[in-house]
C-alpha atoms as a PDB file:
ATOM      1  CA  MET A   1     -29.362 -17.874  32.090  1.00  0.00           C
ATOM      2  CA  SER A   2     -26.969 -15.593  33.697  1.00  0.00           C
ATOM      3  CA  ALA A   3     -24.876 -15.690  30.805  1.00  0.00           C
ATOM      4  CA  LEU A   4     -27.564 -14.344  28.731  1.00  0.00           C
ATOM      5  CA  VAL A   5     -28.289 -11.696  31.520  1.00  0.00           C
ATOM      6  CA  ASN A   6     -24.577 -10.553  31.683  1.00  0.00           C
ATOM      7  CA  ALA A   7     -24.565 -10.281  27.860  1.00  0.00           C
ATOM      8  CA  LEU A   8     -27.788  -8.111  27.513  1.00  0.00           C
ATOM      9  CA  TYR A   9     -27.695  -6.242  30.882  1.00  0.00           C
ATOM     10  CA  ASN A  10     -23.860  -4.634  30.687  1.00  0.00           C
ATOM     11  CA  SER A  11     -22.164  -1.096  30.473  1.00  0.00           C
ATOM     12  CA  GLU A  12     -21.349  -1.743  26.658  1.00  0.00           C
ATOM     13  CA  SER A  13     -25.107  -2.771  26.014  1.00  0.00           C
ATOM     14  CA  ILE A  14     -26.996  -0.276  28.439  1.00  0.00           C
ATOM     15  CA  GLN A  15     -28.106   1.956  25.288  1.00  0.00           C
ATOM     16  CA  GLN A  16     -29.828  -0.769  23.939  1.00  0.00           C
ATOM     17  CA  TRP A  17     -32.342  -0.687  26.493  1.00  0.00           C
ATOM     18  CA  GLN A  18     -32.253   2.375  28.262  1.00  0.00           C
ATOM     19  CA  HIS A  19     -34.565   4.659  26.616  1.00  0.00           C
ATOM     20  CA  GLU A  20     -38.000   5.885  26.425  1.00  0.00           C
ATOM     21  CA  ARG A  21     -39.412   2.296  24.750  1.00  0.00           C
ATOM     22  CA  THR A  22     -37.882   0.105  27.478  1.00  0.00           C
ATOM     23  CA  MET A  23     -39.219   2.873  30.388  1.00  0.00           C
ATOM     24  CA  LEU A  24     -35.907   3.896  31.520  1.00  0.00           C
ATOM     25  CA  HIS A  25     -35.130   0.556  33.090  1.00  0.00           C
ATOM     26  CA  SER A  26     -33.662  -2.665  33.036  1.00  0.00           C
ATOM     27  CA  SER A  27     -37.306  -4.787  33.045  1.00  0.00           C
ATOM     28  CA  GLY A  28     -37.375  -3.683  29.026  1.00  0.00           C
ATOM     29  CA  ILE A  29     -34.879  -6.400  28.388  1.00  0.00           C
ATOM     30  CA  TRP A  30     -37.308  -9.425  29.080  1.00  0.00           C
ATOM     31  CA  GLY A  31     -39.419  -8.792  25.908  1.00  0.00           C
ATOM     32  CA  ARG A  32     -36.352  -8.449  23.731  1.00  0.00           C
ATOM     33  CA  LYS A  33     -36.005 -11.509  21.028  1.00  0.00           C
ATOM     34  CA  PRO A  34     -33.016 -13.274  22.887  1.00  0.00           C
ATOM     35  CA  VAL A  35     -34.594 -13.590  26.051  1.00  0.00           C
ATOM     36  CA  LEU A  36     -37.641 -15.030  24.375  1.00  0.00           C
ATOM     37  CA  GLU A  37     -35.705 -17.277  22.171  1.00  0.00           C
ATOM     38  CA  TYR A  38     -33.727 -18.742  24.968  1.00  0.00           C
ATOM     39  CA  LEU A  39     -37.160 -19.009  27.274  1.00  0.00           C
ATOM     40  CA  ALA A  40     -38.661 -20.847  24.336  1.00  0.00           C
ATOM     41  CA  ASN A  41     -35.583 -22.950  23.584  1.00  0.00           C
ATOM     42  CA  LYS A  42     -34.473 -23.895  27.265  1.00  0.00           C
ATOM     43  CA  VAL A  43     -36.742 -23.005  29.849  1.00  0.00           C
ATOM     44  CA  VAL A  44     -40.713 -22.794  28.695  1.00  0.00           C
ATOM     45  CA  LYS A  45     -42.107 -26.284  27.572  1.00  0.00           C
ATOM     46  CA  ALA A  46     -45.641 -26.903  26.223  1.00  0.00           C
ATOM     47  CA  GLY A  47     -48.263 -27.608  29.071  1.00  0.00           C
ATOM     48  CA  ASP A  48     -46.244 -25.112  31.873  1.00  0.00           C
ATOM     49  CA  VAL A  49     -47.862 -22.938  34.137  1.00  0.00           C
ATOM     50  CA  VAL A  50     -45.985 -19.569  34.084  1.00  0.00           C
ATOM     51  CA  ILE A  51     -46.180 -16.449  36.248  1.00  0.00           C
ATOM     52  CA  ASP A  52     -45.017 -13.258  34.676  1.00  0.00           C
ATOM     53  CA  LEU A  53     -44.408 -10.680  38.052  1.00  0.00           C
ATOM     54  CA  GLY A  54     -44.754  -7.346  36.655  1.00  0.00           C
ATOM     55  CA  ALA A  55     -46.331  -7.964  33.642  1.00  0.00           C
ATOM     56  CA  GLY A  56     -46.934  -4.771  32.153  1.00  0.00           C
ATOM     57  CA  ALA A  57     -49.197  -4.509  29.360  1.00  0.00           C
ATOM     58  CA  GLY A  58     -48.380  -8.148  28.605  1.00  0.00           C
ATOM     59  CA  TYR A  59     -46.058  -8.251  25.551  1.00  0.00           C
ATOM     60  CA  PRO A  60     -43.982 -10.991  27.000  1.00  0.00           C
ATOM     61  CA  THR A  61     -46.824 -12.648  28.714  1.00  0.00           C
ATOM     62  CA  LEU A  62     -48.575 -13.025  25.418  1.00  0.00           C
ATOM     63  CA  ARG A  63     -45.272 -14.431  23.751  1.00  0.00           C
ATOM     64  CA  ILE A  64     -44.786 -16.903  26.515  1.00  0.00           C
ATOM     65  CA  ALA A  65     -48.507 -18.203  26.217  1.00  0.00           C
ATOM     66  CA  GLY A  66     -47.355 -19.033  22.460  1.00  0.00           C
ATOM     67  CA  MET A  67     -44.635 -21.204  24.338  1.00  0.00           C
ATOM     68  CA  THR A  68     -46.791 -22.970  26.626  1.00  0.00           C
ATOM     69  CA  GLY A  69     -49.614 -23.545  24.070  1.00  0.00           C
ATOM     70  CA  ALA A  70     -53.441 -24.557  25.051  1.00  0.00           C
ATOM     71  CA  ALA A  71     -52.284 -26.956  27.323  1.00  0.00           C
ATOM     72  CA  GLY A  72     -50.330 -24.143  29.909  1.00  0.00           C
ATOM     73  CA  THR A  73     -51.342 -21.325  31.395  1.00  0.00           C
ATOM     74  CA  VAL A  74     -49.654 -17.843  31.985  1.00  0.00           C
ATOM     75  CA  ILE A  75     -50.499 -15.858  34.859  1.00  0.00           C
ATOM     76  CA  GLY A  76     -49.286 -11.816  34.786  1.00  0.00           C
ATOM     77  CA  ILE A  77     -49.405 -10.048  37.859  1.00  0.00           C
ATOM     78  CA  GLU A  78     -49.128  -6.228  37.930  1.00  0.00           C
ATOM     79  CA  LEU A  79     -49.932  -3.589  39.911  1.00  0.00           C
ATOM     80  CA  SER A  80     -50.975  -0.943  37.721  1.00  0.00           C
ATOM     81  CA  ASP A  81     -54.603  -0.568  37.073  1.00  0.00           C
ATOM     82  CA  ALA A  82     -53.899   1.077  33.480  1.00  0.00           C
ATOM     83  CA  MET A  83     -51.402  -1.878  32.322  1.00  0.00           C
ATOM     84  CA  LEU A  84     -53.994  -4.533  33.896  1.00  0.00           C
ATOM     85  CA  GLU A  85     -56.525  -3.232  31.658  1.00  0.00           C
ATOM     86  CA  ALA A  86     -54.331  -2.716  28.456  1.00  0.00           C
ATOM     87  CA  ALA A  87     -53.025  -6.451  28.842  1.00  0.00           C
ATOM     88  CA  ARG A  88     -56.375  -7.882  29.190  1.00  0.00           C
ATOM     89  CA  SER A  89     -57.108  -5.907  26.206  1.00  0.00           C
ATOM     90  CA  HIS A  90     -55.109  -7.375  23.812  1.00  0.00           C
ATOM     91  CA  CYS A  91     -54.121 -10.448  25.297  1.00  0.00           C
ATOM     92  CA  TRP A  92     -57.198 -12.210  24.474  1.00  0.00           C
ATOM     93  CA  LEU A  93     -56.197 -15.684  24.710  1.00  0.00           C
ATOM     94  CA  ARG A  94     -58.017 -17.997  27.336  1.00  0.00           C
ATOM     95  CA  ILE A  95     -54.239 -18.915  28.731  1.00  0.00           C
ATOM     96  CA  CYS A  96     -53.438 -15.825  29.873  1.00  0.00           C
ATOM     97  CA  LEU A  97     -54.807 -14.637  33.064  1.00  0.00           C
ATOM     98  CA  PHE A  98     -54.383 -11.178  34.354  1.00  0.00           C
ATOM     99  CA  GLY A  99     -54.320  -9.965  38.214  1.00  0.00           C
ATOM    100  CA  GLY A 100     -53.241  -7.172  40.411  1.00  0.00           C
ATOM    101  CA  GLY A 101     -50.821  -7.712  43.169  1.00  0.00           C
ATOM    102  CA  THR A 102     -53.576  -6.448  46.159  1.00  0.00           C
END
């Protein structure tokens, strides 16, 4: 995975993710297609339990839920109440659970 992260997060590629849509910091790379493809092909398997720390509004959480399938569970942890509300409103799958860090 480190080669993938280095390819996405370096001085040449910084303009891909450093803008308003990715909240001006590197966490925006985790929702990008190459990382999600890597997770689907090499890491996450059907039935897995995955914890998404800093889940935000749940976009990667929902994508990862598709990787774990109905037998798996994805737990999204987010400190922002507004983001938790957003995640719960559009991630209606029963295998997605969201909670705060308190």
